[in-house]
Amino acid sequence: MVLSRMKYLSFYEAQNDFIGFGHHHILHDFKSERTHFVNPGSLGCHSVAEARYALVYCSEWKIRVEFKSVPYARTRLFKAYKELNVPAAAFLMEVFHHTNYSD
């Protein structure tokens, strides 16, 4: 999502220095005239088995964002999908984890 599209979101006009948001799987890091917008990306729904997050450092003069990730083993997650008989599991595995359900 580019900054020009952010204008359509309700919080774009907010008078805040920083807005962190999520539930969108793509990393976002951009600024309007006043606000720094950050979404660290997916917390597990990704082609790579990594939980992504951001550390935000604030001072009176500056906001600094550091993006991090932690690897995890997906085998327990995939096993739980099968054991719990998750509805639409094949679709979810393909779309959110980029893997075949039978893997």
N, C-alpha and C. Protein backbone atom coordinates (compact mmCIF):
# COMPACT_ATOMS: atom_id res chain seq x y z
N MET A 1 0.86 -1.17 0.00
CA MET A 1 0.00 0.00 0.00
C MET A 1 0.91 1.23 0.00
N VAL A 2 0.65 2.13 -0.87
CA VAL A 2 1.45 3.35 -0.95
C VAL A 2 0.81 4.45 -0.14
N LEU A 3 1.58 5.48 0.16
CA LEU A 3 1.08 6.56 0.99
C LEU A 3 -0.17 7.21 0.41
N SER A 4 -0.24 7.36 -0.90
CA SER A 4 -1.42 7.99 -1.50
C SER A 4 -2.70 7.22 -1.18
N ARG A 5 -2.62 5.90 -1.06
CA ARG A 5 -3.80 5.11 -0.71
C ARG A 5 -4.17 5.25 0.75
N MET A 6 -3.22 5.58 1.60
CA MET A 6 -3.50 5.74 3.03
C MET A 6 -4.51 6.85 3.27
N LYS A 7 -4.62 7.80 2.35
CA LYS A 7 -5.55 8.92 2.52
C LYS A 7 -6.99 8.45 2.64
N TYR A 8 -7.28 7.25 2.16
CA TYR A 8 -8.64 6.72 2.21
C TYR A 8 -8.96 6.06 3.54
N LEU A 9 -7.96 5.85 4.36
CA LEU A 9 -8.19 5.21 5.65
C LEU A 9 -8.57 6.27 6.69
N SER A 10 -9.40 5.87 7.63
CA SER A 10 -9.94 6.83 8.59
C SER A 10 -8.88 7.47 9.47
N PHE A 11 -7.76 6.79 9.71
CA PHE A 11 -6.77 7.37 10.61
C PHE A 11 -5.71 8.20 9.90
N TYR A 12 -5.81 8.37 8.59
CA TYR A 12 -4.79 9.13 7.85
C TYR A 12 -4.70 10.58 8.32
N GLU A 13 -5.82 11.18 8.61
CA GLU A 13 -5.85 12.59 9.01
C GLU A 13 -5.55 12.78 10.50
N ALA A 14 -5.30 11.70 11.21
CA ALA A 14 -5.04 11.80 12.64
C ALA A 14 -3.83 12.69 12.91
N GLN A 15 -3.88 13.39 14.01
CA GLN A 15 -2.78 14.27 14.40
C GLN A 15 -1.87 13.55 15.38
N ASN A 16 -1.38 12.41 14.97
CA ASN A 16 -0.49 11.61 15.80
C ASN A 16 0.89 11.56 15.17
N ASP A 17 1.90 11.37 16.00
CA ASP A 17 3.25 11.22 15.48
C ASP A 17 3.49 9.82 14.93
N PHE A 18 2.80 8.84 15.52
CA PHE A 18 3.03 7.44 15.14
C PHE A 18 1.72 6.66 15.20
N ILE A 19 1.48 5.83 14.19
CA ILE A 19 0.36 4.90 14.21
C ILE A 19 0.89 3.54 13.78
N GLY A 20 0.74 2.56 14.67
CA GLY A 20 1.08 1.17 14.35
C GLY A 20 -0.21 0.43 14.06
N PHE A 21 -0.21 -0.39 13.04
CA PHE A 21 -1.42 -1.13 12.69
C PHE A 21 -1.04 -2.51 12.21
N GLY A 22 -2.01 -3.35 12.04
CA GLY A 22 -1.75 -4.72 11.64
C GLY A 22 -2.91 -5.35 10.92
N HIS A 23 -2.92 -6.65 10.95
CA HIS A 23 -3.87 -7.52 10.29
C HIS A 23 -3.74 -7.50 8.78
N HIS A 24 -2.76 -6.84 8.29
CA HIS A 24 -2.43 -6.88 6.87
C HIS A 24 -1.07 -7.54 6.78
N HIS A 25 -0.91 -8.51 5.95
CA HIS A 25 0.28 -9.34 5.99
C HIS A 25 1.52 -8.72 5.37
N ILE A 26 1.38 -7.59 4.73
CA ILE A 26 2.51 -6.95 4.06
C ILE A 26 3.10 -5.88 4.97
N LEU A 27 4.43 -5.82 5.05
CA LEU A 27 5.10 -4.81 5.85
C LEU A 27 4.84 -3.43 5.26
N HIS A 28 4.52 -2.47 6.13
CA HIS A 28 4.34 -1.07 5.73
C HIS A 28 5.21 -0.19 6.62
N ASP A 29 5.86 0.77 6.02
CA ASP A 29 6.68 1.72 6.76
C ASP A 29 6.77 3.00 5.95
N PHE A 30 5.91 3.96 6.25
CA PHE A 30 5.91 5.21 5.49
C PHE A 30 5.39 6.35 6.34
N LYS A 31 5.57 7.57 5.84
CA LYS A 31 5.24 8.76 6.60
C LYS A 31 4.39 9.71 5.77
N SER A 32 3.45 10.34 6.44
CA SER A 32 2.74 11.48 5.85
C SER A 32 3.49 12.72 6.33
N GLU A 33 2.90 13.88 6.16
CA GLU A 33 3.57 15.09 6.64
C GLU A 33 3.82 15.04 8.14
N ARG A 34 2.91 14.44 8.88
CA ARG A 34 3.02 14.44 10.35
C ARG A 34 3.24 13.06 10.95
N THR A 35 2.67 12.02 10.36
CA THR A 35 2.57 10.72 11.02
C THR A 35 3.44 9.66 10.36
N HIS A 36 4.07 8.84 11.21
CA HIS A 36 4.83 7.68 10.76
C HIS A 36 3.92 6.46 10.94
N PHE A 37 3.62 5.75 9.85
CA PHE A 37 2.75 4.57 9.86
C PHE A 37 3.60 3.31 9.75
N VAL A 38 3.31 2.33 10.62
CA VAL A 38 4.08 1.08 10.60
C VAL A 38 3.16 -0.12 10.81
N ASN A 39 3.34 -1.10 9.97
CA ASN A 39 2.75 -2.43 10.13
C ASN A 39 3.90 -3.40 9.91
N PRO A 40 4.29 -4.17 10.92
CA PRO A 40 5.44 -5.06 10.76
C PRO A 40 5.18 -6.25 9.85
N GLY A 41 3.96 -6.44 9.44
CA GLY A 41 3.65 -7.57 8.56
C GLY A 41 3.07 -8.73 9.35
N SER A 42 3.04 -9.84 8.72
CA SER A 42 2.40 -11.01 9.27
C SER A 42 3.12 -11.58 10.49
N LEU A 43 2.34 -12.03 11.43
CA LEU A 43 2.89 -12.73 12.59
C LEU A 43 2.67 -14.23 12.38
N GLY A 44 3.31 -14.75 11.35
CA GLY A 44 3.24 -16.18 11.11
C GLY A 44 2.63 -16.59 9.79
N CYS A 45 1.79 -15.79 9.19
CA CYS A 45 1.20 -16.12 7.89
C CYS A 45 2.09 -15.58 6.79
N HIS A 46 3.03 -16.38 6.39
CA HIS A 46 4.05 -15.91 5.47
C HIS A 46 4.67 -17.13 4.80
N SER A 47 5.31 -16.95 3.68
CA SER A 47 5.96 -18.07 3.00
C SER A 47 7.18 -18.56 3.76
N VAL A 48 7.72 -17.71 4.63
CA VAL A 48 8.86 -18.07 5.48
C VAL A 48 8.34 -18.26 6.90
N ALA A 49 8.81 -19.27 7.59
CA ALA A 49 8.35 -19.54 8.95
C ALA A 49 9.01 -18.57 9.93
N GLU A 50 8.53 -17.33 9.90
CA GLU A 50 9.03 -16.28 10.77
C GLU A 50 7.87 -15.46 11.32
N ALA A 51 7.94 -15.14 12.58
CA ALA A 51 7.00 -14.20 13.18
C ALA A 51 7.67 -12.83 13.13
N ARG A 52 7.05 -11.90 12.42
CA ARG A 52 7.66 -10.58 12.23
C ARG A 52 7.05 -9.58 13.20
N TYR A 53 7.88 -8.66 13.67
CA TYR A 53 7.43 -7.62 14.58
C TYR A 53 8.31 -6.39 14.43
N ALA A 54 7.94 -5.31 15.08
CA ALA A 54 8.72 -4.08 15.02
C ALA A 54 8.97 -3.55 16.42
N LEU A 55 10.15 -3.03 16.61
CA LEU A 55 10.49 -2.30 17.83
C LEU A 55 10.46 -0.83 17.48
N VAL A 56 9.78 -0.05 18.29
CA VAL A 56 9.65 1.38 18.02
C VAL A 56 10.30 2.15 19.16
N TYR A 57 11.25 2.99 18.79
CA TYR A 57 11.98 3.80 19.76
C TYR A 57 11.57 5.26 19.56
N CYS A 58 11.12 5.89 20.63
CA CYS A 58 10.63 7.26 20.53
C CYS A 58 11.43 8.17 21.46
N SER A 59 11.72 9.34 20.95
CA SER A 59 12.30 10.40 21.76
C SER A 59 11.52 11.67 21.45
N GLU A 60 11.89 12.76 22.05
CA GLU A 60 11.19 14.01 21.76
C GLU A 60 11.36 14.44 20.31
N TRP A 61 12.44 14.03 19.70
CA TRP A 61 12.80 14.53 18.37
C TRP A 61 12.66 13.52 17.25
N LYS A 62 12.57 12.24 17.59
CA LYS A 62 12.68 11.25 16.54
C LYS A 62 11.95 9.95 16.89
N ILE A 63 11.43 9.30 15.85
CA ILE A 63 10.88 7.95 15.98
C ILE A 63 11.74 7.05 15.11
N ARG A 64 12.23 5.99 15.71
CA ARG A 64 13.04 5.03 14.96
C ARG A 64 12.38 3.66 15.05
N VAL A 65 12.26 2.99 13.92
CA VAL A 65 11.60 1.69 13.86
C VAL A 65 12.62 0.65 13.41
N GLU A 66 12.64 -0.45 14.14
CA GLU A 66 13.54 -1.56 13.81
C GLU A 66 12.68 -2.80 13.59
N PHE A 67 12.77 -3.37 12.40
CA PHE A 67 11.98 -4.56 12.08
C PHE A 67 12.78 -5.81 12.43
N LYS A 68 12.10 -6.76 13.05
CA LYS A 68 12.74 -8.00 13.50
C LYS A 68 11.86 -9.19 13.09
N SER A 69 12.43 -10.36 13.19
CA SER A 69 11.65 -11.59 13.00
C SER A 69 12.28 -12.70 13.82
N VAL A 70 11.44 -13.65 14.17
CA VAL A 70 11.86 -14.80 14.94
C VAL A 70 11.41 -16.05 14.18
N PRO A 71 12.34 -16.94 13.86
CA PRO A 71 11.94 -18.17 13.16
C PRO A 71 11.16 -19.09 14.11
N TYR A 72 10.28 -19.86 13.54
CA TYR A 72 9.55 -20.85 14.32
C TYR A 72 9.35 -22.10 13.47
N ALA A 73 9.12 -23.22 14.12
CA ALA A 73 8.87 -24.49 13.43
C ALA A 73 7.38 -24.60 13.15
N ARG A 74 7.04 -24.74 11.89
CA ARG A 74 5.62 -24.80 11.51
C ARG A 74 5.01 -26.18 11.69
N THR A 75 5.81 -27.18 11.99
CA THR A 75 5.27 -28.54 12.07
C THR A 75 4.15 -28.67 13.10
N ARG A 76 4.28 -28.03 14.26
CA ARG A 76 3.21 -28.10 15.27
C ARG A 76 1.94 -27.43 14.78
N LEU A 77 2.09 -26.31 14.08
CA LEU A 77 0.93 -25.61 13.53
C LEU A 77 0.23 -26.49 12.50
N PHE A 78 0.99 -27.06 11.60
CA PHE A 78 0.40 -27.89 10.55
C PHE A 78 -0.25 -29.13 11.14
N LYS A 79 0.37 -29.71 12.15
CA LYS A 79 -0.20 -30.88 12.82
C LYS A 79 -1.53 -30.51 13.49
N ALA A 80 -1.58 -29.33 14.11
CA ALA A 80 -2.81 -28.88 14.76
C ALA A 80 -3.93 -28.67 13.75
N TYR A 81 -3.60 -28.15 12.58
CA TYR A 81 -4.62 -27.99 11.52
C TYR A 81 -5.30 -29.34 11.25
N LYS A 82 -4.49 -30.38 11.14
CA LYS A 82 -5.04 -31.71 10.82
C LYS A 82 -5.79 -32.30 12.01
N GLU A 83 -5.20 -32.22 13.21
CA GLU A 83 -5.84 -32.79 14.40
C GLU A 83 -7.17 -32.11 14.73
N LEU A 84 -7.24 -30.81 14.52
CA LEU A 84 -8.45 -30.07 14.84
C LEU A 84 -9.45 -30.03 13.68
N ASN A 85 -9.06 -30.64 12.57
CA ASN A 85 -9.93 -30.68 11.40
C ASN A 85 -10.41 -29.27 11.03
N VAL A 86 -9.48 -28.36 10.89
CA VAL A 86 -9.78 -26.96 10.60
C VAL A 86 -10.55 -26.84 9.28
N PRO A 87 -11.70 -26.15 9.28
CA PRO A 87 -12.45 -25.96 8.04
C PRO A 87 -11.60 -25.20 7.02
N ALA A 88 -11.68 -25.61 5.78
CA ALA A 88 -10.94 -24.97 4.68
C ALA A 88 -9.44 -24.97 4.92
N ALA A 89 -8.94 -25.99 5.60
CA ALA A 89 -7.52 -26.07 5.95
C ALA A 89 -6.62 -26.02 4.72
N ALA A 90 -6.97 -26.72 3.68
CA ALA A 90 -6.14 -26.73 2.46
C ALA A 90 -6.01 -25.33 1.88
N PHE A 91 -7.12 -24.61 1.82
CA PHE A 91 -7.11 -23.25 1.31
C PHE A 91 -6.25 -22.34 2.20
N LEU A 92 -6.46 -22.41 3.51
CA LEU A 92 -5.70 -21.58 4.45
C LEU A 92 -4.20 -21.86 4.38
N MET A 93 -3.85 -23.13 4.29
CA MET A 93 -2.43 -23.49 4.20
C MET A 93 -1.80 -22.94 2.93
N GLU A 94 -2.52 -23.02 1.84
CA GLU A 94 -2.01 -22.54 0.56
C GLU A 94 -1.87 -21.01 0.56
N VAL A 95 -2.92 -20.33 0.97
CA VAL A 95 -2.95 -18.87 0.88
C VAL A 95 -2.07 -18.20 1.94
N PHE A 96 -2.14 -18.67 3.18
CA PHE A 96 -1.43 -17.98 4.26
C PHE A 96 -0.05 -18.54 4.57
N HIS A 97 0.19 -19.78 4.22
CA HIS A 97 1.48 -20.38 4.56
C HIS A 97 2.24 -20.85 3.34
N HIS A 98 1.65 -20.69 2.16
CA HIS A 98 2.30 -21.02 0.90
C HIS A 98 2.84 -22.45 0.88
N THR A 99 2.03 -23.36 1.36
CA THR A 99 2.43 -24.76 1.37
C THR A 99 1.22 -25.64 1.06
N ASN A 100 1.50 -26.83 0.65
CA ASN A 100 0.46 -27.80 0.34
C ASN A 100 0.00 -28.44 1.64
N TYR A 101 -1.29 -28.63 1.83
CA TYR A 101 -1.86 -29.19 3.04
C TYR A 101 -1.34 -30.57 3.35
N SER A 102 -0.96 -31.31 2.34
CA SER A 102 -0.48 -32.68 2.57
C SER A 102 0.99 -32.74 2.95
N ASP A 103 1.69 -31.59 2.90
CA ASP A 103 3.12 -31.56 3.26
C ASP A 103 3.36 -31.91 4.70
